[in-house]
Amino acid sequence: MDRLFSTHENIAPSFIANKSTDIEDEEFVSNELKPSKKQKRNNVDTIATAISTMSESRKRVWDKKIELKKERMEKNHTVEMKKLEIEQQKWKYEKEKMKLEQMKLEQMKQDHELKMKNIK
């Protein structure tokens, strides 16, 4: 009932207070609620800002990771190309070496044949 009529008994039972006589408590209660509401808004804003910052940080990290992977792949590609180039040069060298050996063998064979003819 007291809540309906906005009245309640004070400490002294002979005195009844209502909204007009109890302004100080009301202001105190309303002042307490406002900072908490502002605080909640600030918390929401703070959380929103934190989420936004984390999202931006995650994006930067992801971009950096992709960039580093790309650089690593390019370096690996360059290294592999150089290895293949070296391998190709090695095979060219081996091929030339084999040709020279074959020529030497043919020359030795011809020399041997000439010696054999001279001996007969």
PDB file of N, CA and C in Angstrom:
ATOM      1  N   MET A   1       0.817  -1.192   0.000  1.00  0.00           N
ATOM      2  CA  MET A   1       0.000   0.000   0.000  1.00  0.00           C
ATOM      3  C   MET A   1       0.857   1.250   0.000  1.00  0.00           C
ATOM      4  N   ASP A   2       1.896   1.186   0.834  1.00  0.00           N
ATOM      5  CA  ASP A   2       2.762   2.357   0.920  1.00  0.00           C
ATOM      6  C   ASP A   2       3.393   2.668  -0.431  1.00  0.00           C
ATOM      7  N   ARG A   3       3.711   1.661  -1.170  1.00  0.00           N
ATOM      8  CA  ARG A   3       4.321   1.888  -2.479  1.00  0.00           C
ATOM      9  C   ARG A   3       3.330   2.508  -3.449  1.00  0.00           C
ATOM     10  N   LEU A   4       2.086   2.116  -3.352  1.00  0.00           N
ATOM     11  CA  LEU A   4       1.073   2.684  -4.242  1.00  0.00           C
ATOM     12  C   LEU A   4       0.877   4.171  -4.008  1.00  0.00           C
ATOM     13  N   PHE A   5       0.822   4.565  -2.770  1.00  0.00           N
ATOM     14  CA  PHE A   5       0.575   5.969  -2.439  1.00  0.00           C
ATOM     15  C   PHE A   5       1.868   6.754  -2.226  1.00  0.00           C
ATOM     16  N   SER A   6       2.989   6.136  -2.425  1.00  0.00           N
ATOM     17  CA  SER A   6       4.299   6.759  -2.253  1.00  0.00           C
ATOM     18  C   SER A   6       4.480   7.338  -0.868  1.00  0.00           C
ATOM     19  N   THR A   7       3.990   6.642   0.119  1.00  0.00           N
ATOM     20  CA  THR A   7       4.180   7.084   1.502  1.00  0.00           C
ATOM     21  C   THR A   7       4.788   5.950   2.288  1.00  0.00           C
ATOM     22  N   HIS A   8       5.532   6.296   3.330  1.00  0.00           N
ATOM     23  CA  HIS A   8       6.064   5.279   4.219  1.00  0.00           C
ATOM     24  C   HIS A   8       6.314   5.910   5.573  1.00  0.00           C
ATOM     25  N   GLU A   9       6.367   5.060   6.571  1.00  0.00           N
ATOM     26  CA  GLU A   9       6.593   5.571   7.924  1.00  0.00           C
ATOM     27  C   GLU A   9       8.051   5.880   8.116  1.00  0.00           C
ATOM     28  N   ASN A  10       8.273   6.933   8.799  1.00  0.00           N
ATOM     29  CA  ASN A  10       9.629   7.309   9.143  1.00  0.00           C
ATOM     30  C   ASN A  10      10.031   6.550  10.394  1.00  0.00           C
ATOM     31  N   ILE A  11      11.217   6.782  10.910  1.00  0.00           N
ATOM     32  CA  ILE A  11      11.661   6.122  12.128  1.00  0.00           C
ATOM     33  C   ILE A  11      10.708   6.437  13.275  1.00  0.00           C
ATOM     34  N   ALA A  12      10.289   7.670  13.352  1.00  0.00           N
ATOM     35  CA  ALA A  12       9.309   8.050  14.381  1.00  0.00           C
ATOM     36  C   ALA A  12       7.926   7.721  13.835  1.00  0.00           C
ATOM     37  N   PRO A  13       7.148   6.845  14.479  1.00  0.00           N
ATOM     38  CA  PRO A  13       5.864   6.413  13.944  1.00  0.00           C
ATOM     39  C   PRO A  13       4.840   7.536  13.796  1.00  0.00           C
ATOM     40  N   SER A  14       5.025   8.669  14.420  1.00  0.00           N
ATOM     41  CA  SER A  14       4.045   9.739  14.314  1.00  0.00           C
ATOM     42  C   SER A  14       4.251  10.572  13.053  1.00  0.00           C
ATOM     43  N   PHE A  15       5.345  10.394  12.350  1.00  0.00           N
ATOM     44  CA  PHE A  15       5.643  11.210  11.180  1.00  0.00           C
ATOM     45  C   PHE A  15       5.576  10.335   9.936  1.00  0.00           C
ATOM     46  N   ILE A  16       4.790  10.722   8.938  1.00  0.00           N
ATOM     47  CA  ILE A  16       4.669   9.989   7.685  1.00  0.00           C
ATOM     48  C   ILE A  16       5.320  10.834   6.599  1.00  0.00           C
ATOM     49  N   ALA A  17       6.149  10.197   5.828  1.00  0.00           N
ATOM     50  CA  ALA A  17       6.850  10.920   4.767  1.00  0.00           C
ATOM     51  C   ALA A  17       6.276  10.497   3.430  1.00  0.00           C
ATOM     52  N   ASN A  18       6.248  11.422   2.520  1.00  0.00           N
ATOM     53  CA  ASN A  18       5.850  11.103   1.153  1.00  0.00           C
ATOM     54  C   ASN A  18       6.913  11.655   0.195  1.00  0.00           C
ATOM     55  N   LYS A  19       6.598  11.701  -1.072  1.00  0.00           N
ATOM     56  CA  LYS A  19       7.598  12.140  -2.041  1.00  0.00           C
ATOM     57  C   LYS A  19       8.053  13.569  -1.806  1.00  0.00           C
ATOM     58  N   SER A  20       7.165  14.426  -1.430  1.00  0.00           N
ATOM     59  CA  SER A  20       7.547  15.831  -1.259  1.00  0.00           C
ATOM     60  C   SER A  20       8.443  16.030  -0.046  1.00  0.00           C
ATOM     61  N   THR A  21       8.288  15.224   0.984  1.00  0.00           N
ATOM     62  CA  THR A  21       9.122  15.380   2.178  1.00  0.00           C
ATOM     63  C   THR A  21      10.385  14.545   2.106  1.00  0.00           C
ATOM     64  N   ASP A  22      10.437  13.612   1.207  1.00  0.00           N
ATOM     65  CA  ASP A  22      11.575  12.692   1.144  1.00  0.00           C
ATOM     66  C   ASP A  22      12.400  12.936  -0.124  1.00  0.00           C
ATOM     67  N   ILE A  23      12.670  14.171  -0.468  1.00  0.00           N
ATOM     68  CA  ILE A  23      13.377  14.530  -1.697  1.00  0.00           C
ATOM     69  C   ILE A  23      14.854  14.155  -1.624  1.00  0.00           C
ATOM     70  N   GLU A  24      15.455  14.302  -0.469  1.00  0.00           N
ATOM     71  CA  GLU A  24      16.888  14.033  -0.343  1.00  0.00           C
ATOM     72  C   GLU A  24      17.218  12.589  -0.694  1.00  0.00           C
ATOM     73  N   ASP A  25      16.435  11.644  -0.177  1.00  0.00           N
ATOM     74  CA  ASP A  25      16.696  10.239  -0.479  1.00  0.00           C
ATOM     75  C   ASP A  25      16.506   9.953  -1.965  1.00  0.00           C
ATOM     76  N   GLU A  26      15.505  10.556  -2.544  1.00  0.00           N
ATOM     77  CA  GLU A  26      15.214  10.343  -3.954  1.00  0.00           C
ATOM     78  C   GLU A  26      16.368  10.850  -4.820  1.00  0.00           C
ATOM     79  N   GLU A  27      16.869  12.020  -4.515  1.00  0.00           N
ATOM     80  CA  GLU A  27      17.995  12.564  -5.279  1.00  0.00           C
ATOM     81  C   GLU A  27      19.217  11.671  -5.134  1.00  0.00           C
ATOM     82  N   PHE A  28      19.413  11.176  -3.935  1.00  0.00           N
ATOM     83  CA  PHE A  28      20.551  10.298  -3.691  1.00  0.00           C
ATOM     84  C   PHE A  28      20.423   9.023  -4.523  1.00  0.00           C
ATOM     85  N   VAL A  29      19.228   8.451  -4.547  1.00  0.00           N
ATOM     86  CA  VAL A  29      18.994   7.231  -5.315  1.00  0.00           C
ATOM     87  C   VAL A  29      19.138   7.512  -6.803  1.00  0.00           C
ATOM     88  N   SER A  30      18.567   8.627  -7.280  1.00  0.00           N
ATOM     89  CA  SER A  30      18.653   8.932  -8.704  1.00  0.00           C
ATOM     90  C   SER A  30      20.096   9.230  -9.110  1.00  0.00           C
ATOM     91  N   ASN A  31      20.863   9.851  -8.229  1.00  0.00           N
ATOM     92  CA  ASN A  31      22.272  10.112  -8.534  1.00  0.00           C
ATOM     93  C   ASN A  31      23.072   8.820  -8.593  1.00  0.00           C
ATOM     94  N   GLU A  32      22.700   7.873  -7.773  1.00  0.00           N
ATOM     95  CA  GLU A  32      23.409   6.595  -7.794  1.00  0.00           C
ATOM     96  C   GLU A  32      23.137   5.843  -9.089  1.00  0.00           C
ATOM     97  N   LEU A  33      21.919   5.910  -9.584  1.00  0.00           N
ATOM     98  CA  LEU A  33      21.566   5.166 -10.777  1.00  0.00           C
ATOM     99  C   LEU A  33      22.197   5.760 -12.031  1.00  0.00           C
ATOM    100  N   LYS A  34      22.246   7.052 -12.117  1.00  0.00           N
ATOM    101  CA  LYS A  34      22.777   7.681 -13.325  1.00  0.00           C
ATOM    102  C   LYS A  34      24.236   7.319 -13.585  1.00  0.00           C
ATOM    103  N   PRO A  35      25.101   7.387 -12.591  1.00  0.00           N
ATOM    104  CA  PRO A  35      26.483   7.001 -12.894  1.00  0.00           C
ATOM    105  C   PRO A  35      26.609   5.538 -13.317  1.00  0.00           C
ATOM    106  N   SER A  36      25.785   4.680 -12.737  1.00  0.00           N
ATOM    107  CA  SER A  36      25.880   3.280 -13.130  1.00  0.00           C
ATOM    108  C   SER A  36      25.418   3.101 -14.572  1.00  0.00           C
ATOM    109  N   LYS A  37      24.389   3.864 -14.976  1.00  0.00           N
ATOM    110  CA  LYS A  37      23.956   3.786 -16.365  1.00  0.00           C
ATOM    111  C   LYS A  37      25.050   4.314 -17.284  1.00  0.00           C
ATOM    112  N   LYS A  38      25.636   5.438 -16.907  1.00  0.00           N
ATOM    113  CA  LYS A  38      26.729   5.976 -17.705  1.00  0.00           C
ATOM    114  C   LYS A  38      27.892   4.993 -17.716  1.00  0.00           C
ATOM    115  N   GLN A  39      28.108   4.376 -16.576  1.00  0.00           N
ATOM    116  CA  GLN A  39      29.192   3.421 -16.476  1.00  0.00           C
ATOM    117  C   GLN A  39      28.919   2.227 -17.395  1.00  0.00           C
ATOM    118  N   LYS A  40      27.667   1.801 -17.449  1.00  0.00           N
ATOM    119  CA  LYS A  40      27.333   0.695 -18.338  1.00  0.00           C
ATOM    120  C   LYS A  40      27.551   1.113 -19.787  1.00  0.00           C
ATOM    121  N   ARG A  41      27.153   2.315 -20.112  1.00  0.00           N
ATOM    122  CA  ARG A  41      27.386   2.796 -21.469  1.00  0.00           C
ATOM    123  C   ARG A  41      28.883   2.861 -21.747  1.00  0.00           C
ATOM    124  N   ASN A  42      29.624   3.345 -20.784  1.00  0.00           N
ATOM    125  CA  ASN A  42      31.067   3.402 -20.957  1.00  0.00           C
ATOM    126  C   ASN A  42      31.648   2.002 -21.099  1.00  0.00           C
ATOM    127  N   ASN A  43      31.114   1.070 -20.311  1.00  0.00           N
ATOM    128  CA  ASN A  43      31.585  -0.310 -20.434  1.00  0.00           C
ATOM    129  C   ASN A  43      31.268  -0.861 -21.812  1.00  0.00           C
ATOM    130  N   VAL A  44      30.069  -0.575 -22.290  1.00  0.00           N
ATOM    131  CA  VAL A  44      29.688  -1.041 -23.622  1.00  0.00           C
ATOM    132  C   VAL A  44      30.585  -0.390 -24.665  1.00  0.00           C
ATOM    133  N   ASP A  45      30.785   0.922 -24.527  1.00  0.00           N
ATOM    134  CA  ASP A  45      31.672   1.610 -25.463  1.00  0.00           C
ATOM    135  C   ASP A  45      33.091   1.070 -25.369  1.00  0.00           C
ATOM    136  N   THR A  46      33.521   0.830 -24.153  1.00  0.00           N
ATOM    137  CA  THR A  46      34.868   0.297 -23.955  1.00  0.00           C
ATOM    138  C   THR A  46      34.998  -1.077 -24.581  1.00  0.00           C
ATOM    139  N   ILE A  47      33.993  -1.912 -24.359  1.00  0.00           N
ATOM    140  CA  ILE A  47      34.023  -3.258 -24.940  1.00  0.00           C
ATOM    141  C   ILE A  47      33.964  -3.172 -26.461  1.00  0.00           C
ATOM    142  N   ALA A  48      33.105  -2.287 -26.973  1.00  0.00           N
ATOM    143  CA  ALA A  48      33.006  -2.125 -28.424  1.00  0.00           C
ATOM    144  C   ALA A  48      34.335  -1.644 -29.001  1.00  0.00           C
ATOM    145  N   THR A  49      34.965  -0.706 -28.317  1.00  0.00           N
ATOM    146  CA  THR A  49      36.268  -0.207 -28.766  1.00  0.00           C
ATOM    147  C   THR A  49      37.307  -1.318 -28.707  1.00  0.00           C
ATOM    148  N   ALA A  50      37.275  -2.095 -27.635  1.00  0.00           N
ATOM    149  CA  ALA A  50      38.233  -3.196 -27.493  1.00  0.00           C
ATOM    150  C   ALA A  50      38.029  -4.229 -28.595  1.00  0.00           C
ATOM    151  N   ILE A  51      36.772  -4.552 -28.879  1.00  0.00           N
ATOM    152  CA  ILE A  51      36.479  -5.521 -29.937  1.00  0.00           C
ATOM    153  C   ILE A  51      36.951  -4.983 -31.280  1.00  0.00           C
ATOM    154  N   SER A  52      36.684  -3.715 -31.521  1.00  0.00           N
ATOM    155  CA  SER A  52      37.119  -3.090 -32.769  1.00  0.00           C
ATOM    156  C   SER A  52      38.639  -3.105 -32.888  1.00  0.00           C
ATOM    157  N   THR A  53      39.309  -2.761 -31.799  1.00  0.00           N
ATOM    158  CA  THR A  53      40.776  -2.754 -31.798  1.00  0.00           C
ATOM    159  C   THR A  53      41.328  -4.157 -32.023  1.00  0.00           C
ATOM    160  N   MET A  54      40.716  -5.145 -31.357  1.00  0.00           N
ATOM    161  CA  MET A  54      41.167  -6.529 -31.544  1.00  0.00           C
ATOM    162  C   MET A  54      40.953  -6.972 -32.986  1.00  0.00           C
ATOM    163  N   SER A  55      39.828  -6.564 -33.561  1.00  0.00           N
ATOM    164  CA  SER A  55      39.545  -6.924 -34.944  1.00  0.00           C
ATOM    165  C   SER A  55      40.582  -6.315 -35.881  1.00  0.00           C
ATOM    166  N   GLU A  56      40.905  -5.041 -35.654  1.00  0.00           N
ATOM    167  CA  GLU A  56      41.918  -4.381 -36.477  1.00  0.00           C
ATOM    168  C   GLU A  56      43.280  -5.039 -36.287  1.00  0.00           C
ATOM    169  N   SER A  57      43.596  -5.372 -35.043  1.00  0.00           N
ATOM    170  CA  SER A  57      44.880  -6.030 -34.761  1.00  0.00           C
ATOM    171  C   SER A  57      44.935  -7.387 -35.443  1.00  0.00           C
ATOM    172  N   ARG A  58      43.840  -8.130 -35.353  1.00  0.00           N
ATOM    173  CA  ARG A  58      43.779  -9.444 -35.993  1.00  0.00           C
ATOM    174  C   ARG A  58      43.964  -9.302 -37.503  1.00  0.00           C
ATOM    175  N   LYS A  59      43.326  -8.281 -38.079  1.00  0.00           N
ATOM    176  CA  LYS A  59      43.455  -8.051 -39.518  1.00  0.00           C
ATOM    177  C   LYS A  59      44.897  -7.721 -39.882  1.00  0.00           C
ATOM    178  N   ARG A  60      45.539  -6.850 -39.078  1.00  0.00           N
ATOM    179  CA  ARG A  60      46.941  -6.503 -39.348  1.00  0.00           C
ATOM    180  C   ARG A  60      47.835  -7.730 -39.223  1.00  0.00           C
ATOM    181  N   VAL A  61      47.595  -8.535 -38.185  1.00  0.00           N
ATOM    182  CA  VAL A  61      48.398  -9.749 -37.994  1.00  0.00           C
ATOM    183  C   VAL A  61      48.184 -10.695 -39.168  1.00  0.00           C
ATOM    184  N   TRP A  62      46.938 -10.855 -39.575  1.00  0.00           N
ATOM    185  CA  TRP A  62      46.622 -11.748 -40.685  1.00  0.00           C
ATOM    186  C   TRP A  62      47.287 -11.256 -41.969  1.00  0.00           C
ATOM    187  N   ASP A  63      47.192  -9.936 -42.233  1.00  0.00           N
ATOM    188  CA  ASP A  63      47.833  -9.371 -43.418  1.00  0.00           C
ATOM    189  C   ASP A  63      49.344  -9.572 -43.370  1.00  0.00           C
ATOM    190  N   LYS A  64      49.932  -9.345 -42.200  1.00  0.00           N
ATOM    191  CA  LYS A  64      51.380  -9.525 -42.044  1.00  0.00           C
ATOM    192  C   LYS A  64      51.758 -10.988 -42.262  1.00  0.00           C
ATOM    193  N   LYS A  65      50.939 -11.897 -41.731  1.00  0.00           N
ATOM    194  CA  LYS A  65      51.196 -13.325 -41.893  1.00  0.00           C
ATOM    195  C   LYS A  65      51.152 -13.708 -43.371  1.00  0.00           C
ATOM    196  N   ILE A  66      50.155 -13.214 -44.077  1.00  0.00           N
ATOM    197  CA  ILE A  66      50.041 -13.504 -45.508  1.00  0.00           C
ATOM    198  C   ILE A  66      51.231 -12.920 -46.256  1.00  0.00           C
ATOM    199  N   GLU A  67      51.610 -11.701 -45.900  1.00  0.00           N
ATOM    200  CA  GLU A  67      52.755 -11.052 -46.539  1.00  0.00           C
ATOM    201  C   GLU A  67      54.041 -11.856 -46.306  1.00  0.00           C
ATOM    202  N   LEU A  68      54.239 -12.311 -45.073  1.00  0.00           N
ATOM    203  CA  LEU A  68      55.428 -13.103 -44.763  1.00  0.00           C
ATOM    204  C   LEU A  68      55.423 -14.440 -45.505  1.00  0.00           C
ATOM    205  N   LYS A  69      54.248 -15.067 -45.597  1.00  0.00           N
ATOM    206  CA  LYS A  69      54.152 -16.322 -46.348  1.00  0.00           C
ATOM    207  C   LYS A  69      54.493 -16.092 -47.817  1.00  0.00           C
ATOM    208  N   LYS A  70      53.989 -14.987 -48.358  1.00  0.00           N
ATOM    209  CA  LYS A  70      54.262 -14.662 -49.755  1.00  0.00           C
ATOM    210  C   LYS A  70      55.758 -14.444 -49.965  1.00  0.00           C
ATOM    211  N   GLU A  71      56.385 -13.676 -49.062  1.00  0.00           N
ATOM    212  CA  GLU A  71      57.827 -13.442 -49.158  1.00  0.00           C
ATOM    213  C   GLU A  71      58.598 -14.757 -49.056  1.00  0.00           C
ATOM    214  N   ARG A  72      58.200 -15.605 -48.117  1.00  0.00           N
ATOM    215  CA  ARG A  72      58.868 -16.895 -47.937  1.00  0.00           C
ATOM    216  C   ARG A  72      58.733 -17.746 -49.195  1.00  0.00           C
ATOM    217  N   MET A  73      57.534 -17.741 -49.787  1.00  0.00           N
ATOM    218  CA  MET A  73      57.325 -18.513 -51.009  1.00  0.00           C
ATOM    219  C   MET A  73      58.186 -17.973 -52.146  1.00  0.00           C
ATOM    220  N   GLU A  74      58.273 -16.641 -52.251  1.00  0.00           N
ATOM    221  CA  GLU A  74      59.103 -16.043 -53.297  1.00  0.00           C
ATOM    222  C   GLU A  74      60.572 -16.393 -53.089  1.00  0.00           C
ATOM    223  N   LYS A  75      61.032 -16.342 -51.839  1.00  0.00           N
ATOM    224  CA  LYS A  75      62.426 -16.697 -51.551  1.00  0.00           C
ATOM    225  C   LYS A  75      62.681 -18.162 -51.863  1.00  0.00           C
ATOM    226  N   ASN A  76      61.748 -19.023 -51.452  1.00  0.00           N
ATOM    227  CA  ASN A  76      61.892 -20.453 -51.746  1.00  0.00           C
ATOM    228  C   ASN A  76      61.906 -20.698 -53.253  1.00  0.00           C
ATOM    229  N   HIS A  77      61.057 -19.976 -53.965  1.00  0.00           N
ATOM    230  CA  HIS A  77      61.006 -20.109 -55.421  1.00  0.00           C
ATOM    231  C   HIS A  77      62.345 -19.688 -56.031  1.00  0.00           C
ATOM    232  N   THR A  78      62.881 -18.569 -55.554  1.00  0.00           N
ATOM    233  CA  THR A  78      64.168 -18.081 -56.050  1.00  0.00           C
ATOM    234  C   THR A  78      65.274 -19.095 -55.768  1.00  0.00           C
ATOM    235  N   VAL A  79      65.282 -19.625 -54.558  1.00  0.00           N
ATOM    236  CA  VAL A  79      66.296 -20.622 -54.186  1.00  0.00           C
ATOM    237  C   VAL A  79      66.162 -21.866 -55.059  1.00  0.00           C
ATOM    238  N   GLU A  80      64.941 -22.338 -55.249  1.00  0.00           N
ATOM    239  CA  GLU A  80      64.724 -23.530 -56.071  1.00  0.00           C
ATOM    240  C   GLU A  80      65.147 -23.285 -57.518  1.00  0.00           C
ATOM    241  N   MET A  81      64.842 -22.096 -58.033  1.00  0.00           N
ATOM    242  CA  MET A  81      65.249 -21.770 -59.402  1.00  0.00           C
ATOM    243  C   MET A  81      66.767 -21.762 -59.523  1.00  0.00           C
ATOM    244  N   LYS A  82      67.448 -21.208 -58.536  1.00  0.00           N
ATOM    245  CA  LYS A  82      68.913 -21.191 -58.559  1.00  0.00           C
ATOM    246  C   LYS A  82      69.467 -22.609 -58.457  1.00  0.00           C
ATOM    247  N   LYS A  83      68.846 -23.434 -57.616  1.00  0.00           N
ATOM    248  CA  LYS A  83      69.280 -24.833 -57.511  1.00  0.00           C
ATOM    249  C   LYS A  83      69.121 -25.543 -58.850  1.00  0.00           C
ATOM    250  N   LEU A  84      67.982 -25.310 -59.507  1.00  0.00           N
ATOM    251  CA  LEU A  84      67.755 -25.934 -60.810  1.00  0.00           C
ATOM    252  C   LEU A  84      68.756 -25.429 -61.847  1.00  0.00           C
ATOM    253  N   GLU A  85      69.053 -24.162 -61.773  1.00  0.00           N
ATOM    254  CA  GLU A  85      70.030 -23.571 -62.682  1.00  0.00           C
ATOM    255  C   GLU A  85      71.411 -24.207 -62.476  1.00  0.00           C
ATOM    256  N   ILE A  86      71.784 -24.359 -61.214  1.00  0.00           N
ATOM    257  CA  ILE A  86      73.066 -24.991 -60.887  1.00  0.00           C
ATOM    258  C   ILE A  86      73.077 -26.437 -61.362  1.00  0.00           C
ATOM    259  N   GLU A  87      71.970 -27.128 -61.157  1.00  0.00           N
ATOM    260  CA  GLU A  87      71.858 -28.522 -61.600  1.00  0.00           C
ATOM    261  C   GLU A  87      71.976 -28.606 -63.120  1.00  0.00           C
ATOM    262  N   GLN A  88      71.363 -27.662 -63.798  1.00  0.00           N
ATOM    263  CA  GLN A  88      71.430 -27.626 -65.255  1.00  0.00           C
ATOM    264  C   GLN A  88      72.878 -27.393 -65.713  1.00  0.00           C
ATOM    265  N   GLN A  89      73.562 -26.475 -65.076  1.00  0.00           N
ATOM    266  CA  GLN A  89      74.966 -26.221 -65.418  1.00  0.00           C
ATOM    267  C   GLN A  89      75.825 -27.452 -65.134  1.00  0.00           C
ATOM    268  N   LYS A  90      75.511 -28.111 -64.042  1.00  0.00           N
ATOM    269  CA  LYS A  90      76.250 -29.327 -63.690  1.00  0.00           C
ATOM    270  C   LYS A  90      76.092 -30.387 -64.782  1.00  0.00           C
ATOM    271  N   TRP A  91      74.853 -30.562 -65.268  1.00  0.00           N
ATOM    272  CA  TRP A  91      74.615 -31.557 -66.307  1.00  0.00           C
ATOM    273  C   TRP A  91      75.270 -31.149 -67.630  1.00  0.00           C
ATOM    274  N   LYS A  92      75.300 -29.866 -67.892  1.00  0.00           N
ATOM    275  CA  LYS A  92      76.001 -29.397 -69.092  1.00  0.00           C
ATOM    276  C   LYS A  92      77.486 -29.733 -68.991  1.00  0.00           C
ATOM    277  N   TYR A  93      78.031 -29.467 -67.822  1.00  0.00           N
ATOM    278  CA  TYR A  93      79.444 -29.767 -67.585  1.00  0.00           C
ATOM    279  C   TYR A  93      79.706 -31.266 -67.749  1.00  0.00           C
ATOM    280  N   GLU A  94      78.832 -32.077 -67.164  1.00  0.00           N
ATOM    281  CA  GLU A  94      78.986 -33.534 -67.276  1.00  0.00           C
ATOM    282  C   GLU A  94      78.893 -33.985 -68.738  1.00  0.00           C
ATOM    283  N   LYS A  95      77.987 -33.375 -69.462  1.00  0.00           N
ATOM    284  CA  LYS A  95      77.819 -33.719 -70.873  1.00  0.00           C
ATOM    285  C   LYS A  95      79.085 -33.379 -71.657  1.00  0.00           C
ATOM    286  N   GLU A  96      79.617 -32.188 -71.419  1.00  0.00           N
ATOM    287  CA  GLU A  96      80.858 -31.783 -72.083  1.00  0.00           C
ATOM    288  C   GLU A  96      82.014 -32.695 -71.682  1.00  0.00           C
ATOM    289  N   LYS A  97      82.065 -33.036 -70.445  1.00  0.00           N
ATOM    290  CA  LYS A  97      83.110 -33.925 -69.938  1.00  0.00           C
ATOM    291  C   LYS A  97      83.025 -35.285 -70.628  1.00  0.00           C
ATOM    292  N   MET A  98      81.810 -35.792 -70.766  1.00  0.00           N
ATOM    293  CA  MET A  98      81.617 -37.079 -71.437  1.00  0.00           C
ATOM    294  C   MET A  98      82.035 -36.992 -72.910  1.00  0.00           C
ATOM    295  N   LYS A  99      81.711 -35.875 -73.550  1.00  0.00           N
ATOM    296  CA  LYS A  99      82.115 -35.695 -74.948  1.00  0.00           C
ATOM    297  C   LYS A  99      83.633 -35.702 -75.067  1.00  0.00           C
ATOM    298  N   LEU A 100      84.284 -34.989 -74.164  1.00  0.00           N
ATOM    299  CA  LEU A 100      85.746 -34.951 -74.189  1.00  0.00           C
ATOM    300  C   LEU A 100      86.343 -36.338 -73.948  1.00  0.00           C
ATOM    301  N   GLU A 101      85.784 -37.063 -73.012  1.00  0.00           N
ATOM    302  CA  GLU A 101      86.263 -38.419 -72.741  1.00  0.00           C
ATOM    303  C   GLU A 101      86.047 -39.321 -73.949  1.00  0.00           C
ATOM    304  N   GLN A 102      84.922 -39.152 -74.580  1.00  0.00           N
ATOM    305  CA  GLN A 102      84.629 -39.953 -75.768  1.00  0.00           C
ATOM    306  C   GLN A 102      85.616 -39.608 -76.884  1.00  0.00           C
ATOM    307  N   MET A 103      85.887 -38.328 -77.022  1.00  0.00           N
ATOM    308  CA  MET A 103      86.858 -37.912 -78.038  1.00  0.00           C
ATOM    309  C   MET A 103      88.246 -38.473 -77.721  1.00  0.00           C
ATOM    310  N   LYS A 104      88.618 -38.457 -76.462  1.00  0.00           N
ATOM    311  CA  LYS A 104      89.908 -39.018 -76.055  1.00  0.00           C
ATOM    312  C   LYS A 104      89.969 -40.507 -76.361  1.00  0.00           C
ATOM    313  N   LEU A 105      88.879 -41.186 -76.057  1.00  0.00           N
ATOM    314  CA  LEU A 105      88.836 -42.625 -76.331  1.00  0.00           C
ATOM    315  C   LEU A 105      88.950 -42.903 -77.834  1.00  0.00           C
ATOM    316  N   GLU A 106      88.258 -42.123 -78.613  1.00  0.00           N
ATOM    317  CA  GLU A 106      88.334 -42.290 -80.063  1.00  0.00           C
ATOM    318  C   GLU A 106      89.756 -42.007 -80.558  1.00  0.00           C
ATOM    319  N   GLN A 107      90.344 -40.956 -79.994  1.00  0.00           N
ATOM    320  CA  GLN A 107      91.710 -40.619 -80.370  1.00  0.00           C
ATOM    321  C   GLN A 107      92.668 -41.753 -79.980  1.00  0.00           C
ATOM    322  N   MET A 108      92.494 -42.279 -78.799  1.00  0.00           N
ATOM    323  CA  MET A 108      93.334 -43.390 -78.342  1.00  0.00           C
ATOM    324  C   MET A 108      93.126 -44.618 -79.232  1.00  0.00           C
ATOM    325  N   LYS A 109      91.893 -44.824 -79.607  1.00  0.00           N
ATOM    326  CA  LYS A 109      91.567 -45.962 -80.467  1.00  0.00           C
ATOM    327  C   LYS A 109      92.252 -45.803 -81.831  1.00  0.00           C
ATOM    328  N   GLN A 110      92.183 -44.610 -82.362  1.00  0.00           N
ATOM    329  CA  GLN A 110      92.831 -44.340 -83.648  1.00  0.00           C
ATOM    330  C   GLN A 110      94.350 -44.501 -83.529  1.00  0.00           C
ATOM    331  N   ASP A 111      94.890 -43.981 -82.446  1.00  0.00           N
ATOM    332  CA  ASP A 111      96.330 -44.115 -82.220  1.00  0.00           C
ATOM    333  C   ASP A 111      96.722 -45.595 -82.109  1.00  0.00           C
ATOM    334  N   HIS A 112      95.917 -46.327 -81.417  1.00  0.00           N
ATOM    335  CA  HIS A 112      96.176 -47.749 -81.238  1.00  0.00           C
ATOM    336  C   HIS A 112      96.122 -48.475 -82.592  1.00  0.00           C
ATOM    337  N   GLU A 113      95.151 -48.147 -83.386  1.00  0.00           N
ATOM    338  CA  GLU A 113      95.015 -48.761 -84.710  1.00  0.00           C
ATOM    339  C   GLU A 113      96.234 -48.424 -85.585  1.00  0.00           C
ATOM    340  N   LEU A 114      96.674 -47.181 -85.504  1.00  0.00           N
ATOM    341  CA  LEU A 114      97.842 -46.780 -86.278  1.00  0.00           C
ATOM    342  C   LEU A 114      99.089 -47.539 -85.824  1.00  0.00           C
ATOM    343  N   LYS A 115      99.224 -47.686 -84.549  1.00  0.00           N
ATOM    344  CA  LYS A 115     100.360 -48.434 -84.011  1.00  0.00           C
ATOM    345  C   LYS A 115     100.297 -49.889 -84.456  1.00  0.00           C
ATOM    346  N   MET A 116      99.113 -50.429 -84.448  1.00  0.00           N
ATOM    347  CA  MET A 116      98.943 -51.821 -84.856  1.00  0.00           C
ATOM    348  C   MET A 116      99.284 -51.992 -86.340  1.00  0.00           C
ATOM    349  N   LYS A 117      98.918 -51.019 -87.130  1.00  0.00           N
ATOM    350  CA  LYS A 117      99.218 -51.077 -88.556  1.00  0.00           C
ATOM    351  C   LYS A 117     100.731 -50.970 -88.764  1.00  0.00           C
ATOM    352  N   ASN A 118     101.337 -50.121 -87.986  1.00  0.00           N
ATOM    353  CA  ASN A 118     102.779 -49.932 -88.107  1.00  0.00           C
ATOM    354  C   ASN A 118     103.529 -51.177 -87.648  1.00  0.00           C
ATOM    355  N   ILE A 119     103.012 -51.860 -86.699  1.00  0.00           N
ATOM    356  CA  ILE A 119     103.646 -53.059 -86.179  1.00  0.00           C
ATOM    357  C   ILE A 119     103.536 -54.174 -87.210  1.00  0.00           C
ATOM    358  N   LYS A 120     102.524 -54.295 -87.933  1.00  0.00           N
ATOM    359  CA  LYS A 120     102.313 -55.373 -88.884  1.00  0.00           C
ATOM    360  C   LYS A 120     103.141 -55.136 -90.060  1.00  0.00           C
TER     361      LYS A 120
END
